[in-house]
Amino acid sequence: MSFCLNKSMKTLILYLNDDEYKQLEEKAKKEGYTLVSDYAKKVLLSPMPTQETLMNNIETEVTRKLERKIQDLLNPFTAQIVDLRKRTAEIIEKLDNMTGEENKKKEEEAQKEKSGEQKRGGRKKAIEILEEQEIVFESELKIRDPDPFFRRLELDGAKVLYLENERVAMTQKFYNDFIGKLKEIKTADPKETENKLNDKQAKLFRKLVQEAMVYYDAEKQSWNMI
Protein backbone atom coordinates (compact mmCIF):
# COMPACT_ATOMS: atom_id res chain seq x y z
CA MET A 1 0.00 0.00 0.00
CA SER A 2 1.24 3.51 -0.81
CA PHE A 3 -0.24 6.98 -0.84
CA CYS A 4 0.93 10.43 -1.90
CA LEU A 5 -1.11 13.63 -1.73
CA ASN A 6 0.98 15.69 -4.20
CA LYS A 7 4.48 15.86 -5.66
CA SER A 8 5.78 18.07 -2.85
CA MET A 9 4.94 15.48 -0.23
CA LYS A 10 6.81 12.36 0.70
CA THR A 11 5.58 8.95 -0.20
CA LEU A 12 5.11 6.35 2.55
CA ILE A 13 4.97 2.71 1.60
CA LEU A 14 3.56 0.14 4.01
CA TYR A 15 3.88 -3.55 3.40
CA LEU A 16 0.98 -5.48 4.84
CA ASN A 17 -0.03 -9.08 4.45
CA ASP A 18 -3.60 -9.98 3.56
CA ASP A 19 -4.80 -10.36 7.16
CA GLU A 20 -3.24 -7.07 8.28
CA TYR A 21 -4.72 -5.20 5.33
CA LYS A 22 -8.14 -6.76 5.94
CA GLN A 23 -8.05 -5.68 9.60
CA LEU A 24 -7.06 -2.15 8.59
CA GLU A 25 -9.80 -2.06 5.97
CA GLU A 26 -12.46 -3.14 8.48
CA LYS A 27 -11.34 -0.49 10.97
CA ALA A 28 -11.46 2.17 8.23
CA LYS A 29 -15.03 1.21 7.36
CA LYS A 30 -16.08 1.36 11.02
CA GLU A 31 -14.60 4.86 11.28
CA GLY A 32 -16.47 5.92 8.09
CA TYR A 33 -13.49 6.11 5.73
CA THR A 34 -13.88 5.09 2.10
CA LEU A 35 -10.15 4.87 1.40
CA VAL A 36 -7.92 2.79 3.62
CA SER A 37 -5.09 5.23 2.95
CA ASP A 38 -7.10 8.12 4.44
CA TYR A 39 -7.71 6.12 7.59
CA ALA A 40 -4.06 5.11 7.84
CA LYS A 41 -3.03 8.74 7.50
CA LYS A 42 -5.45 9.78 10.22
CA VAL A 43 -4.11 7.10 12.57
CA LEU A 44 -0.47 7.92 11.81
CA LEU A 45 -0.91 11.66 12.25
CA SER A 46 -3.12 11.49 15.34
CA PRO A 47 -1.30 12.81 18.42
CA MET A 48 -0.16 10.11 20.80
CA PRO A 49 -2.02 10.21 24.13
CA THR A 50 0.03 11.45 27.04
CA GLN A 51 0.75 9.26 30.04
CA GLU A 52 -1.64 11.38 32.09
CA THR A 53 -4.42 10.85 29.54
CA LEU A 54 -3.78 7.12 29.51
CA MET A 55 -3.86 7.00 33.32
CA ASN A 56 -7.12 8.99 33.39
CA ASN A 57 -8.66 6.66 30.85
CA ILE A 58 -7.55 3.64 32.86
CA GLU A 59 -8.88 5.13 36.10
CA THR A 60 -12.18 5.95 34.44
CA GLU A 61 -12.52 2.43 33.08
CA VAL A 62 -11.52 0.84 36.40
CA THR A 63 -13.96 3.10 38.30
CA ARG A 64 -16.78 2.24 35.91
CA LYS A 65 -16.12 -1.48 36.30
CA LEU A 66 -15.92 -1.18 40.10
CA GLU A 67 -19.18 0.76 40.23
CA ARG A 68 -20.87 -1.88 38.10
CA LYS A 69 -19.49 -4.66 40.28
CA ILE A 70 -20.52 -2.92 43.52
CA GLN A 71 -23.98 -2.27 42.10
CA ASP A 72 -24.33 -5.95 41.19
CA LEU A 73 -23.35 -6.88 44.76
CA LEU A 74 -25.75 -4.36 46.31
CA ASN A 75 -28.78 -5.16 44.16
CA PRO A 76 -29.86 -8.25 46.19
CA PHE A 77 -29.54 -6.31 49.47
CA THR A 78 -31.40 -3.33 48.01
CA ALA A 79 -34.27 -5.63 47.05
CA GLN A 80 -34.33 -7.07 50.59
CA ILE A 81 -34.37 -3.59 52.13
CA VAL A 82 -37.26 -2.56 49.89
CA ASP A 83 -39.13 -5.74 50.84
CA LEU A 84 -38.40 -5.13 54.55
CA ARG A 85 -39.71 -1.57 54.31
CA LYS A 86 -42.86 -2.86 52.64
CA ARG A 87 -43.39 -5.50 55.35
CA THR A 88 -42.74 -2.93 58.10
CA ALA A 89 -45.30 -0.57 56.58
CA GLU A 90 -47.85 -3.40 56.43
CA ILE A 91 -47.23 -4.32 60.09
CA ILE A 92 -47.56 -0.68 61.19
CA GLU A 93 -50.81 -0.39 59.23
CA LYS A 94 -52.18 -3.55 60.88
CA LEU A 95 -51.19 -2.29 64.34
CA ASP A 96 -52.86 1.05 63.65
CA ASN A 97 -56.02 -0.77 62.57
CA MET A 98 -55.93 -2.97 65.66
CA THR A 99 -55.42 0.06 67.90
CA GLY A 100 -58.26 1.85 66.18
CA GLU A 101 -60.58 -1.13 66.61
CA GLU A 102 -59.59 -1.50 70.27
CA ASN A 103 -60.23 2.18 70.96
CA LYS A 104 -63.55 1.92 69.17
CA LYS A 105 -64.48 -1.09 71.27
CA LYS A 106 -63.55 0.73 74.48
CA GLU A 107 -65.62 3.73 73.43
CA GLU A 108 -68.58 1.47 72.69
CA GLU A 109 -68.23 -0.24 76.09
CA ALA A 110 -67.95 3.11 77.83
CA GLN A 111 -71.02 4.32 75.97
CA LYS A 112 -72.96 1.19 76.96
CA GLU A 113 -71.91 1.60 80.57
CA LYS A 114 -72.87 5.25 80.52
CA SER A 115 -76.18 4.38 78.90
CA GLY A 116 -76.78 1.74 81.58
CA GLU A 117 -76.11 4.28 84.31
CA GLN A 118 -78.52 6.70 82.69
CA LYS A 119 -81.20 4.00 82.51
CA ARG A 120 -80.69 3.16 86.17
CA GLY A 121 -81.45 6.79 86.89
CA GLY A 122 -81.67 7.22 90.63
CA ARG A 123 -79.97 3.94 91.48
CA LYS A 124 -76.92 4.07 93.71
CA LYS A 125 -73.49 3.97 92.15
CA ALA A 126 -71.29 0.92 92.60
CA ILE A 127 -68.87 2.76 94.89
CA GLU A 128 -71.78 3.96 97.05
CA ILE A 129 -72.99 0.38 97.46
CA LEU A 130 -69.48 -0.73 98.39
CA GLU A 131 -69.03 2.05 100.91
CA GLU A 132 -72.21 0.90 102.63
CA GLN A 133 -71.24 -2.80 102.67
CA GLU A 134 -67.43 -2.31 103.01
CA ILE A 135 -66.77 -5.56 101.11
CA VAL A 136 -68.53 -7.30 98.19
CA PHE A 137 -68.03 -10.87 96.97
CA GLU A 138 -68.77 -11.56 93.30
CA SER A 139 -70.40 -14.90 94.15
CA GLU A 140 -73.07 -13.05 96.14
CA LEU A 141 -73.91 -10.47 93.50
CA LYS A 142 -77.11 -10.81 91.50
CA ILE A 143 -75.78 -9.09 88.39
CA ARG A 144 -75.90 -10.57 84.89
CA ASP A 145 -72.58 -8.95 83.85
CA PRO A 146 -70.38 -8.09 86.86
CA ASP A 147 -67.41 -6.93 84.75
CA PRO A 148 -68.55 -3.28 84.42
CA PHE A 149 -69.40 -3.25 88.14
CA PHE A 150 -65.88 -4.24 89.26
CA ARG A 151 -64.23 -2.13 86.58
CA ARG A 152 -66.16 0.88 87.83
CA LEU A 153 -65.14 0.14 91.42
CA GLU A 154 -61.45 -0.04 90.49
CA LEU A 155 -61.70 3.27 88.63
CA ASP A 156 -63.30 4.82 91.71
CA GLY A 157 -60.43 3.68 93.94
CA ALA A 158 -61.75 0.44 95.45
CA LYS A 159 -59.41 -2.44 96.30
CA VAL A 160 -60.22 -5.49 94.14
CA LEU A 161 -58.70 -8.92 94.81
CA TYR A 162 -58.77 -11.50 92.01
CA LEU A 163 -59.32 -14.93 93.53
CA GLU A 164 -59.41 -18.16 91.55
CA ASN A 165 -63.19 -18.31 91.17
CA GLU A 166 -64.34 -14.79 91.92
CA ARG A 167 -63.42 -11.19 92.56
CA VAL A 168 -63.70 -9.47 95.90
CA ALA A 169 -64.02 -5.69 96.14
CA MET A 170 -63.58 -3.69 99.34
CA THR A 171 -63.02 -0.14 100.37
CA GLN A 172 -59.44 0.90 100.89
CA LYS A 173 -60.18 1.51 104.57
CA PHE A 174 -61.54 -2.02 105.04
CA TYR A 175 -58.47 -3.47 103.34
CA ASN A 176 -56.04 -1.42 105.45
CA ASP A 177 -57.87 -2.35 108.68
CA PHE A 178 -57.87 -6.02 107.65
CA ILE A 179 -54.12 -6.06 106.96
CA GLY A 180 -53.40 -4.19 110.17
CA LYS A 181 -55.49 -6.63 112.20
CA LEU A 182 -53.71 -9.65 110.69
CA LYS A 183 -50.31 -8.27 111.67
CA GLU A 184 -51.45 -8.00 115.29
CA ILE A 185 -52.54 -11.66 115.54
CA LYS A 186 -49.74 -13.86 116.88
CA THR A 187 -51.30 -17.29 116.48
CA ALA A 188 -50.58 -19.51 113.49
CA ASP A 189 -53.91 -21.38 113.87
CA PRO A 190 -56.37 -20.18 111.17
CA LYS A 191 -59.40 -20.99 113.36
CA GLU A 192 -58.08 -18.97 116.26
CA THR A 193 -57.25 -16.17 113.85
CA GLU A 194 -60.83 -16.13 112.52
CA ASN A 195 -62.15 -15.77 116.08
CA LYS A 196 -60.11 -12.59 116.48
CA LEU A 197 -61.65 -11.02 113.33
CA ASN A 198 -65.14 -9.63 112.76
CA ASP A 199 -67.53 -11.53 110.50
CA LYS A 200 -66.61 -9.77 107.24
CA GLN A 201 -62.90 -9.96 107.96
CA ALA A 202 -63.18 -13.64 108.91
CA LYS A 203 -65.02 -14.48 105.70
CA LEU A 204 -62.33 -12.77 103.61
CA PHE A 205 -59.62 -14.49 105.64
CA ARG A 206 -61.14 -17.94 104.98
CA LYS A 207 -61.21 -17.22 101.23
CA LEU A 208 -57.58 -16.12 101.25
CA VAL A 209 -56.46 -19.15 103.29
CA GLN A 210 -58.23 -21.52 100.89
CA GLU A 211 -56.38 -20.01 97.95
CA ALA A 212 -53.05 -19.68 99.82
CA MET A 213 -53.03 -15.92 99.45
CA VAL A 214 -52.07 -15.36 103.09
CA TYR A 215 -49.39 -17.09 105.16
CA TYR A 216 -48.14 -16.99 108.72
CA ASP A 217 -44.62 -15.63 109.15
CA ALA A 218 -43.20 -17.50 112.13
CA GLU A 219 -40.22 -15.15 112.42
CA LYS A 220 -42.35 -11.98 112.53
CA GLN A 221 -45.21 -13.85 114.22
CA SER A 222 -47.89 -12.32 112.01
CA TRP A 223 -50.06 -13.09 109.00
CA ASN A 224 -49.07 -11.56 105.67
CA MET A 225 -50.70 -11.20 102.27
CA ILE A 226 -48.97 -12.70 99.24
C-alpha atoms as a PDB file:
ATOM      1  CA  MET A   1       0.000   0.000   0.000  1.00  0.00           C
ATOM      2  CA  SER A   2       1.243   3.510  -0.814  1.00  0.00           C
ATOM      3  CA  PHE A   3      -0.237   6.981  -0.843  1.00  0.00           C
ATOM      4  CA  CYS A   4       0.932  10.434  -1.898  1.00  0.00           C
ATOM      5  CA  LEU A   5      -1.113  13.625  -1.728  1.00  0.00           C
ATOM      6  CA  ASN A   6       0.978  15.691  -4.197  1.00  0.00           C
ATOM      7  CA  LYS A   7       4.483  15.856  -5.664  1.00  0.00           C
ATOM      8  CA  SER A   8       5.781  18.066  -2.848  1.00  0.00           C
ATOM      9  CA  MET A   9       4.936  15.484  -0.234  1.00  0.00           C
ATOM     10  CA  LYS A  10       6.811  12.363   0.700  1.00  0.00           C
ATOM     11  CA  THR A  11       5.583   8.946  -0.198  1.00  0.00           C
ATOM     12  CA  LEU A  12       5.113   6.353   2.548  1.00  0.00           C
ATOM     13  CA  ILE A  13       4.969   2.712   1.595  1.00  0.00           C
ATOM     14  CA  LEU A  14       3.556   0.136   4.009  1.00  0.00           C
ATOM     15  CA  TYR A  15       3.882  -3.548   3.399  1.00  0.00           C
ATOM     16  CA  LEU A  16       0.977  -5.483   4.842  1.00  0.00           C
ATOM     17  CA  ASN A  17      -0.032  -9.083   4.455  1.00  0.00           C
ATOM     18  CA  ASP A  18      -3.602  -9.978   3.561  1.00  0.00           C
ATOM     19  CA  ASP A  19      -4.800 -10.361   7.164  1.00  0.00           C
ATOM     20  CA  GLU A  20      -3.241  -7.075   8.281  1.00  0.00           C
ATOM     21  CA  TYR A  21      -4.725  -5.198   5.331  1.00  0.00           C
ATOM     22  CA  LYS A  22      -8.136  -6.763   5.942  1.00  0.00           C
ATOM     23  CA  GLN A  23      -8.054  -5.678   9.599  1.00  0.00           C
ATOM     24  CA  LEU A  24      -7.062  -2.154   8.592  1.00  0.00           C
ATOM     25  CA  GLU A  25      -9.801  -2.056   5.972  1.00  0.00           C
ATOM     26  CA  GLU A  26     -12.460  -3.138   8.485  1.00  0.00           C
ATOM     27  CA  LYS A  27     -11.344  -0.485  10.972  1.00  0.00           C
ATOM     28  CA  ALA A  28     -11.462   2.174   8.229  1.00  0.00           C
ATOM     29  CA  LYS A  29     -15.034   1.207   7.357  1.00  0.00           C
ATOM     30  CA  LYS A  30     -16.082   1.361  11.018  1.00  0.00           C
ATOM     31  CA  GLU A  31     -14.601   4.864  11.278  1.00  0.00           C
ATOM     32  CA  GLY A  32     -16.470   5.923   8.094  1.00  0.00           C
ATOM     33  CA  TYR A  33     -13.489   6.112   5.734  1.00  0.00           C
ATOM     34  CA  THR A  34     -13.884   5.092   2.098  1.00  0.00           C
ATOM     35  CA  LEU A  35     -10.149   4.875   1.404  1.00  0.00           C
ATOM     36  CA  VAL A  36      -7.921   2.793   3.616  1.00  0.00           C
ATOM     37  CA  SER A  37      -5.086   5.229   2.947  1.00  0.00           C
ATOM     38  CA  ASP A  38      -7.104   8.124   4.439  1.00  0.00           C
ATOM     39  CA  TYR A  39      -7.712   6.116   7.590  1.00  0.00           C
ATOM     40  CA  ALA A  40      -4.060   5.113   7.835  1.00  0.00           C
ATOM     41  CA  LYS A  41      -3.032   8.745   7.495  1.00  0.00           C
ATOM     42  CA  LYS A  42      -5.454   9.778  10.223  1.00  0.00           C
ATOM     43  CA  VAL A  43      -4.106   7.100  12.569  1.00  0.00           C
ATOM     44  CA  LEU A  44      -0.469   7.916  11.806  1.00  0.00           C
ATOM     45  CA  LEU A  45      -0.910  11.656  12.253  1.00  0.00           C
ATOM     46  CA  SER A  46      -3.119  11.494  15.339  1.00  0.00           C
ATOM     47  CA  PRO A  47      -1.302  12.805  18.423  1.00  0.00           C
ATOM     48  CA  MET A  48      -0.158  10.113  20.804  1.00  0.00           C
ATOM     49  CA  PRO A  49      -2.025  10.209  24.128  1.00  0.00           C
ATOM     50  CA  THR A  50       0.027  11.446  27.043  1.00  0.00           C
ATOM     51  CA  GLN A  51       0.748   9.260  30.042  1.00  0.00           C
ATOM     52  CA  GLU A  52      -1.643  11.383  32.095  1.00  0.00           C
ATOM     53  CA  THR A  53      -4.420  10.854  29.543  1.00  0.00           C
ATOM     54  CA  LEU A  54      -3.783   7.122  29.510  1.00  0.00           C
ATOM     55  CA  MET A  55      -3.864   6.997  33.317  1.00  0.00           C
ATOM     56  CA  ASN A  56      -7.119   8.987  33.393  1.00  0.00           C
ATOM     57  CA  ASN A  57      -8.662   6.656  30.852  1.00  0.00           C
ATOM     58  CA  ILE A  58      -7.546   3.638  32.858  1.00  0.00           C
ATOM     59  CA  GLU A  59      -8.877   5.130  36.104  1.00  0.00           C
ATOM     60  CA  THR A  60     -12.185   5.953  34.444  1.00  0.00           C
ATOM     61  CA  GLU A  61     -12.524   2.428  33.081  1.00  0.00           C
ATOM     62  CA  VAL A  62     -11.525   0.838  36.398  1.00  0.00           C
ATOM     63  CA  THR A  63     -13.957   3.099  38.295  1.00  0.00           C
ATOM     64  CA  ARG A  64     -16.780   2.238  35.910  1.00  0.00           C
ATOM     65  CA  LYS A  65     -16.125  -1.485  36.301  1.00  0.00           C
ATOM     66  CA  LEU A  66     -15.922  -1.178  40.103  1.00  0.00           C
ATOM     67  CA  GLU A  67     -19.176   0.758  40.231  1.00  0.00           C
ATOM     68  CA  ARG A  68     -20.875  -1.884  38.098  1.00  0.00           C
ATOM     69  CA  LYS A  69     -19.486  -4.660  40.283  1.00  0.00           C
ATOM     70  CA  ILE A  70     -20.518  -2.917  43.516  1.00  0.00           C
ATOM     71  CA  GLN A  71     -23.977  -2.268  42.104  1.00  0.00           C
ATOM     72  CA  ASP A  72     -24.325  -5.950  41.189  1.00  0.00           C
ATOM     73  CA  LEU A  73     -23.349  -6.884  44.757  1.00  0.00           C
ATOM     74  CA  LEU A  74     -25.748  -4.363  46.314  1.00  0.00           C
ATOM     75  CA  ASN A  75     -28.777  -5.159  44.163  1.00  0.00           C
ATOM     76  CA  PRO A  76     -29.858  -8.250  46.193  1.00  0.00           C
ATOM     77  CA  PHE A  77     -29.537  -6.310  49.474  1.00  0.00           C
ATOM     78  CA  THR A  78     -31.404  -3.328  48.009  1.00  0.00           C
ATOM     79  CA  ALA A  79     -34.269  -5.630  47.051  1.00  0.00           C
ATOM     80  CA  GLN A  80     -34.333  -7.074  50.590  1.00  0.00           C
ATOM     81  CA  ILE A  81     -34.370  -3.585  52.125  1.00  0.00           C
ATOM     82  CA  VAL A  82     -37.263  -2.558  49.887  1.00  0.00           C
ATOM     83  CA  ASP A  83     -39.132  -5.740  50.844  1.00  0.00           C
ATOM     84  CA  LEU A  84     -38.397  -5.129  54.553  1.00  0.00           C
ATOM     85  CA  ARG A  85     -39.707  -1.568  54.311  1.00  0.00           C
ATOM     86  CA  LYS A  86     -42.860  -2.862  52.644  1.00  0.00           C
ATOM     87  CA  ARG A  87     -43.394  -5.497  55.352  1.00  0.00           C
ATOM     88  CA  THR A  88     -42.743  -2.934  58.103  1.00  0.00           C
ATOM     89  CA  ALA A  89     -45.296  -0.567  56.577  1.00  0.00           C
ATOM     90  CA  GLU A  90     -47.853  -3.396  56.432  1.00  0.00           C
ATOM     91  CA  ILE A  91     -47.226  -4.319  60.089  1.00  0.00           C
ATOM     92  CA  ILE A  92     -47.560  -0.681  61.192  1.00  0.00           C
ATOM     93  CA  GLU A  93     -50.806  -0.395  59.232  1.00  0.00           C
ATOM     94  CA  LYS A  94     -52.183  -3.546  60.878  1.00  0.00           C
ATOM     95  CA  LEU A  95     -51.191  -2.290  64.342  1.00  0.00           C
ATOM     96  CA  ASP A  96     -52.863   1.045  63.652  1.00  0.00           C
ATOM     97  CA  ASN A  97     -56.021  -0.767  62.569  1.00  0.00           C
ATOM     98  CA  MET A  98     -55.933  -2.973  65.661  1.00  0.00           C
ATOM     99  CA  THR A  99     -55.424   0.063  67.904  1.00  0.00           C
ATOM    100  CA  GLY A 100     -58.263   1.855  66.178  1.00  0.00           C
ATOM    101  CA  GLU A 101     -60.575  -1.131  66.606  1.00  0.00           C
ATOM    102  CA  GLU A 102     -59.586  -1.504  70.268  1.00  0.00           C
ATOM    103  CA  ASN A 103     -60.229   2.182  70.955  1.00  0.00           C
ATOM    104  CA  LYS A 104     -63.551   1.922  69.168  1.00  0.00           C
ATOM    105  CA  LYS A 105     -64.485  -1.090  71.266  1.00  0.00           C
ATOM    106  CA  LYS A 106     -63.550   0.733  74.482  1.00  0.00           C
ATOM    107  CA  GLU A 107     -65.616   3.730  73.428  1.00  0.00           C
ATOM    108  CA  GLU A 108     -68.583   1.470  72.688  1.00  0.00           C
ATOM    109  CA  GLU A 109     -68.232  -0.237  76.091  1.00  0.00           C
ATOM    110  CA  ALA A 110     -67.947   3.111  77.835  1.00  0.00           C
ATOM    111  CA  GLN A 111     -71.022   4.319  75.970  1.00  0.00           C
ATOM    112  CA  LYS A 112     -72.961   1.192  76.963  1.00  0.00           C
ATOM    113  CA  GLU A 113     -71.910   1.596  80.574  1.00  0.00           C
ATOM    114  CA  LYS A 114     -72.867   5.249  80.516  1.00  0.00           C
ATOM    115  CA  SER A 115     -76.178   4.375  78.900  1.00  0.00           C
ATOM    116  CA  GLY A 116     -76.777   1.741  81.581  1.00  0.00           C
ATOM    117  CA  GLU A 117     -76.106   4.281  84.313  1.00  0.00           C
ATOM    118  CA  GLN A 118     -78.520   6.705  82.694  1.00  0.00           C
ATOM    119  CA  LYS A 119     -81.202   4.001  82.514  1.00  0.00           C
ATOM    120  CA  ARG A 120     -80.691   3.162  86.167  1.00  0.00           C
ATOM    121  CA  GLY A 121     -81.448   6.793  86.887  1.00  0.00           C
ATOM    122  CA  GLY A 122     -81.674   7.219  90.630  1.00  0.00           C
ATOM    123  CA  ARG A 123     -79.973   3.938  91.475  1.00  0.00           C
ATOM    124  CA  LYS A 124     -76.922   4.073  93.706  1.00  0.00           C
ATOM    125  CA  LYS A 125     -73.494   3.972  92.153  1.00  0.00           C
ATOM    126  CA  ALA A 126     -71.286   0.922  92.597  1.00  0.00           C
ATOM    127  CA  ILE A 127     -68.870   2.763  94.888  1.00  0.00           C
ATOM    128  CA  GLU A 128     -71.779   3.957  97.045  1.00  0.00           C
ATOM    129  CA  ILE A 129     -72.988   0.376  97.457  1.00  0.00           C
ATOM    130  CA  LEU A 130     -69.481  -0.733  98.387  1.00  0.00           C
ATOM    131  CA  GLU A 131     -69.026   2.055 100.915  1.00  0.00           C
ATOM    132  CA  GLU A 132     -72.208   0.897 102.633  1.00  0.00           C
ATOM    133  CA  GLN A 133     -71.240  -2.798 102.668  1.00  0.00           C
ATOM    134  CA  GLU A 134     -67.430  -2.314 103.008  1.00  0.00           C
ATOM    135  CA  ILE A 135     -66.774  -5.564 101.112  1.00  0.00           C
ATOM    136  CA  VAL A 136     -68.528  -7.302  98.186  1.00  0.00           C
ATOM    137  CA  PHE A 137     -68.034 -10.875  96.966  1.00  0.00           C
ATOM    138  CA  GLU A 138     -68.769 -11.555  93.301  1.00  0.00           C
ATOM    139  CA  SER A 139     -70.396 -14.900  94.145  1.00  0.00           C
ATOM    140  CA  GLU A 140     -73.069 -13.051  96.135  1.00  0.00           C
ATOM    141  CA  LEU A 141     -73.908 -10.466  93.500  1.00  0.00           C
ATOM    142  CA  LYS A 142     -77.108 -10.811  91.499  1.00  0.00           C
ATOM    143  CA  ILE A 143     -75.777  -9.086  88.393  1.00  0.00           C
ATOM    144  CA  ARG A 144     -75.901 -10.569  84.895  1.00  0.00           C
ATOM    145  CA  ASP A 145     -72.576  -8.954  83.847  1.00  0.00           C
ATOM    146  CA  PRO A 146     -70.383  -8.088  86.863  1.00  0.00           C
ATOM    147  CA  ASP A 147     -67.412  -6.928  84.748  1.00  0.00           C
ATOM    148  CA  PRO A 148     -68.552  -3.281  84.420  1.00  0.00           C
ATOM    149  CA  PHE A 149     -69.399  -3.250  88.144  1.00  0.00           C
ATOM    150  CA  PHE A 150     -65.882  -4.239  89.264  1.00  0.00           C
ATOM    151  CA  ARG A 151     -64.234  -2.132  86.576  1.00  0.00           C
ATOM    152  CA  ARG A 152     -66.163   0.883  87.825  1.00  0.00           C
ATOM    153  CA  LEU A 153     -65.140   0.140  91.423  1.00  0.00           C
ATOM    154  CA  GLU A 154     -61.454  -0.035  90.488  1.00  0.00           C
ATOM    155  CA  LEU A 155     -61.701   3.267  88.626  1.00  0.00           C
ATOM    156  CA  ASP A 156     -63.302   4.821  91.709  1.00  0.00           C
ATOM    157  CA  GLY A 157     -60.431   3.675  93.943  1.00  0.00           C
ATOM    158  CA  ALA A 158     -61.751   0.439  95.452  1.00  0.00           C
ATOM    159  CA  LYS A 159     -59.412  -2.444  96.304  1.00  0.00           C
ATOM    160  CA  VAL A 160     -60.215  -5.490  94.139  1.00  0.00           C
ATOM    161  CA  LEU A 161     -58.700  -8.924  94.813  1.00  0.00           C
ATOM    162  CA  TYR A 162     -58.770 -11.505  92.011  1.00  0.00           C
ATOM    163  CA  LEU A 163     -59.321 -14.931  93.528  1.00  0.00           C
ATOM    164  CA  GLU A 164     -59.409 -18.157  91.552  1.00  0.00           C
ATOM    165  CA  ASN A 165     -63.187 -18.315  91.172  1.00  0.00           C
ATOM    166  CA  GLU A 166     -64.338 -14.793  91.919  1.00  0.00           C
ATOM    167  CA  ARG A 167     -63.422 -11.187  92.561  1.00  0.00           C
ATOM    168  CA  VAL A 168     -63.695  -9.465  95.903  1.00  0.00           C
ATOM    169  CA  ALA A 169     -64.017  -5.691  96.140  1.00  0.00           C
ATOM    170  CA  MET A 170     -63.585  -3.690  99.336  1.00  0.00           C
ATOM    171  CA  THR A 171     -63.021  -0.138 100.373  1.00  0.00           C
ATOM    172  CA  GLN A 172     -59.440   0.898 100.891  1.00  0.00           C
ATOM    173  CA  LYS A 173     -60.176   1.512 104.571  1.00  0.00           C
ATOM    174  CA  PHE A 174     -61.544  -2.019 105.041  1.00  0.00           C
ATOM    175  CA  TYR A 175     -58.469  -3.475 103.344  1.00  0.00           C
ATOM    176  CA  ASN A 176     -56.042  -1.420 105.450  1.00  0.00           C
ATOM    177  CA  ASP A 177     -57.868  -2.348 108.682  1.00  0.00           C
ATOM    178  CA  PHE A 178     -57.867  -6.022 107.652  1.00  0.00           C
ATOM    179  CA  ILE A 179     -54.116  -6.062 106.961  1.00  0.00           C
ATOM    180  CA  GLY A 180     -53.397  -4.185 110.167  1.00  0.00           C
ATOM    181  CA  LYS A 181     -55.493  -6.626 112.201  1.00  0.00           C
ATOM    182  CA  LEU A 182     -53.707  -9.654 110.687  1.00  0.00           C
ATOM    183  CA  LYS A 183     -50.311  -8.272 111.668  1.00  0.00           C
ATOM    184  CA  GLU A 184     -51.450  -7.998 115.285  1.00  0.00           C
ATOM    185  CA  ILE A 185     -52.540 -11.664 115.537  1.00  0.00           C
ATOM    186  CA  LYS A 186     -49.735 -13.863 116.880  1.00  0.00           C
ATOM    187  CA  THR A 187     -51.304 -17.292 116.482  1.00  0.00           C
ATOM    188  CA  ALA A 188     -50.583 -19.512 113.486  1.00  0.00           C
ATOM    189  CA  ASP A 189     -53.910 -21.376 113.871  1.00  0.00           C
ATOM    190  CA  PRO A 190     -56.369 -20.181 111.172  1.00  0.00           C
ATOM    191  CA  LYS A 191     -59.401 -20.990 113.362  1.00  0.00           C
ATOM    192  CA  GLU A 192     -58.076 -18.966 116.261  1.00  0.00           C
ATOM    193  CA  THR A 193     -57.247 -16.172 113.851  1.00  0.00           C
ATOM    194  CA  GLU A 194     -60.830 -16.135 112.523  1.00  0.00           C
ATOM    195  CA  ASN A 195     -62.148 -15.768 116.076  1.00  0.00           C
ATOM    196  CA  LYS A 196     -60.105 -12.590 116.478  1.00  0.00           C
ATOM    197  CA  LEU A 197     -61.646 -11.019 113.331  1.00  0.00           C
ATOM    198  CA  ASN A 198     -65.142  -9.628 112.763  1.00  0.00           C
ATOM    199  CA  ASP A 199     -67.532 -11.533 110.500  1.00  0.00           C
ATOM    200  CA  LYS A 200     -66.613  -9.774 107.239  1.00  0.00           C
ATOM    201  CA  GLN A 201     -62.905  -9.964 107.958  1.00  0.00           C
ATOM    202  CA  ALA A 202     -63.175 -13.636 108.910  1.00  0.00           C
ATOM    203  CA  LYS A 203     -65.022 -14.475 105.696  1.00  0.00           C
ATOM    204  CA  LEU A 204     -62.335 -12.773 103.606  1.00  0.00           C
ATOM    205  CA  PHE A 205     -59.620 -14.487 105.639  1.00  0.00           C
ATOM    206  CA  ARG A 206     -61.142 -17.943 104.981  1.00  0.00           C
ATOM    207  CA  LYS A 207     -61.207 -17.224 101.231  1.00  0.00           C
ATOM    208  CA  LEU A 208     -57.575 -16.125 101.245  1.00  0.00           C
ATOM    209  CA  VAL A 209     -56.460 -19.146 103.286  1.00  0.00           C
ATOM    210  CA  GLN A 210     -58.233 -21.523 100.889  1.00  0.00           C
ATOM    211  CA  GLU A 211     -56.377 -20.014  97.945  1.00  0.00           C
ATOM    212  CA  ALA A 212     -53.054 -19.679  99.824  1.00  0.00           C
ATOM    213  CA  MET A 213     -53.025 -15.917  99.446  1.00  0.00           C
ATOM    214  CA  VAL A 214     -52.070 -15.356 103.087  1.00  0.00           C
ATOM    215  CA  TYR A 215     -49.386 -17.090 105.156  1.00  0.00           C
ATOM    216  CA  TYR A 216     -48.139 -16.988 108.719  1.00  0.00           C
ATOM    217  CA  ASP A 217     -44.624 -15.625 109.146  1.00  0.00           C
ATOM    218  CA  ALA A 218     -43.195 -17.498 112.132  1.00  0.00           C
ATOM    219  CA  GLU A 219     -40.223 -15.151 112.422  1.00  0.00           C
ATOM    220  CA  LYS A 220     -42.350 -11.982 112.532  1.00  0.00           C
ATOM    221  CA  GLN A 221     -45.212 -13.849 114.216  1.00  0.00           C
ATOM    222  CA  SER A 222     -47.893 -12.318 112.007  1.00  0.00           C
ATOM    223  CA  TRP A 223     -50.060 -13.094 109.001  1.00  0.00           C
ATOM    224  CA  ASN A 224     -49.070 -11.565 105.672  1.00  0.00           C
ATOM    225  CA  MET A 225     -50.696 -11.202 102.266  1.00  0.00           C
ATOM    226  CA  ILE A 226     -48.970 -12.700  99.241  1.00  0.00           C
END
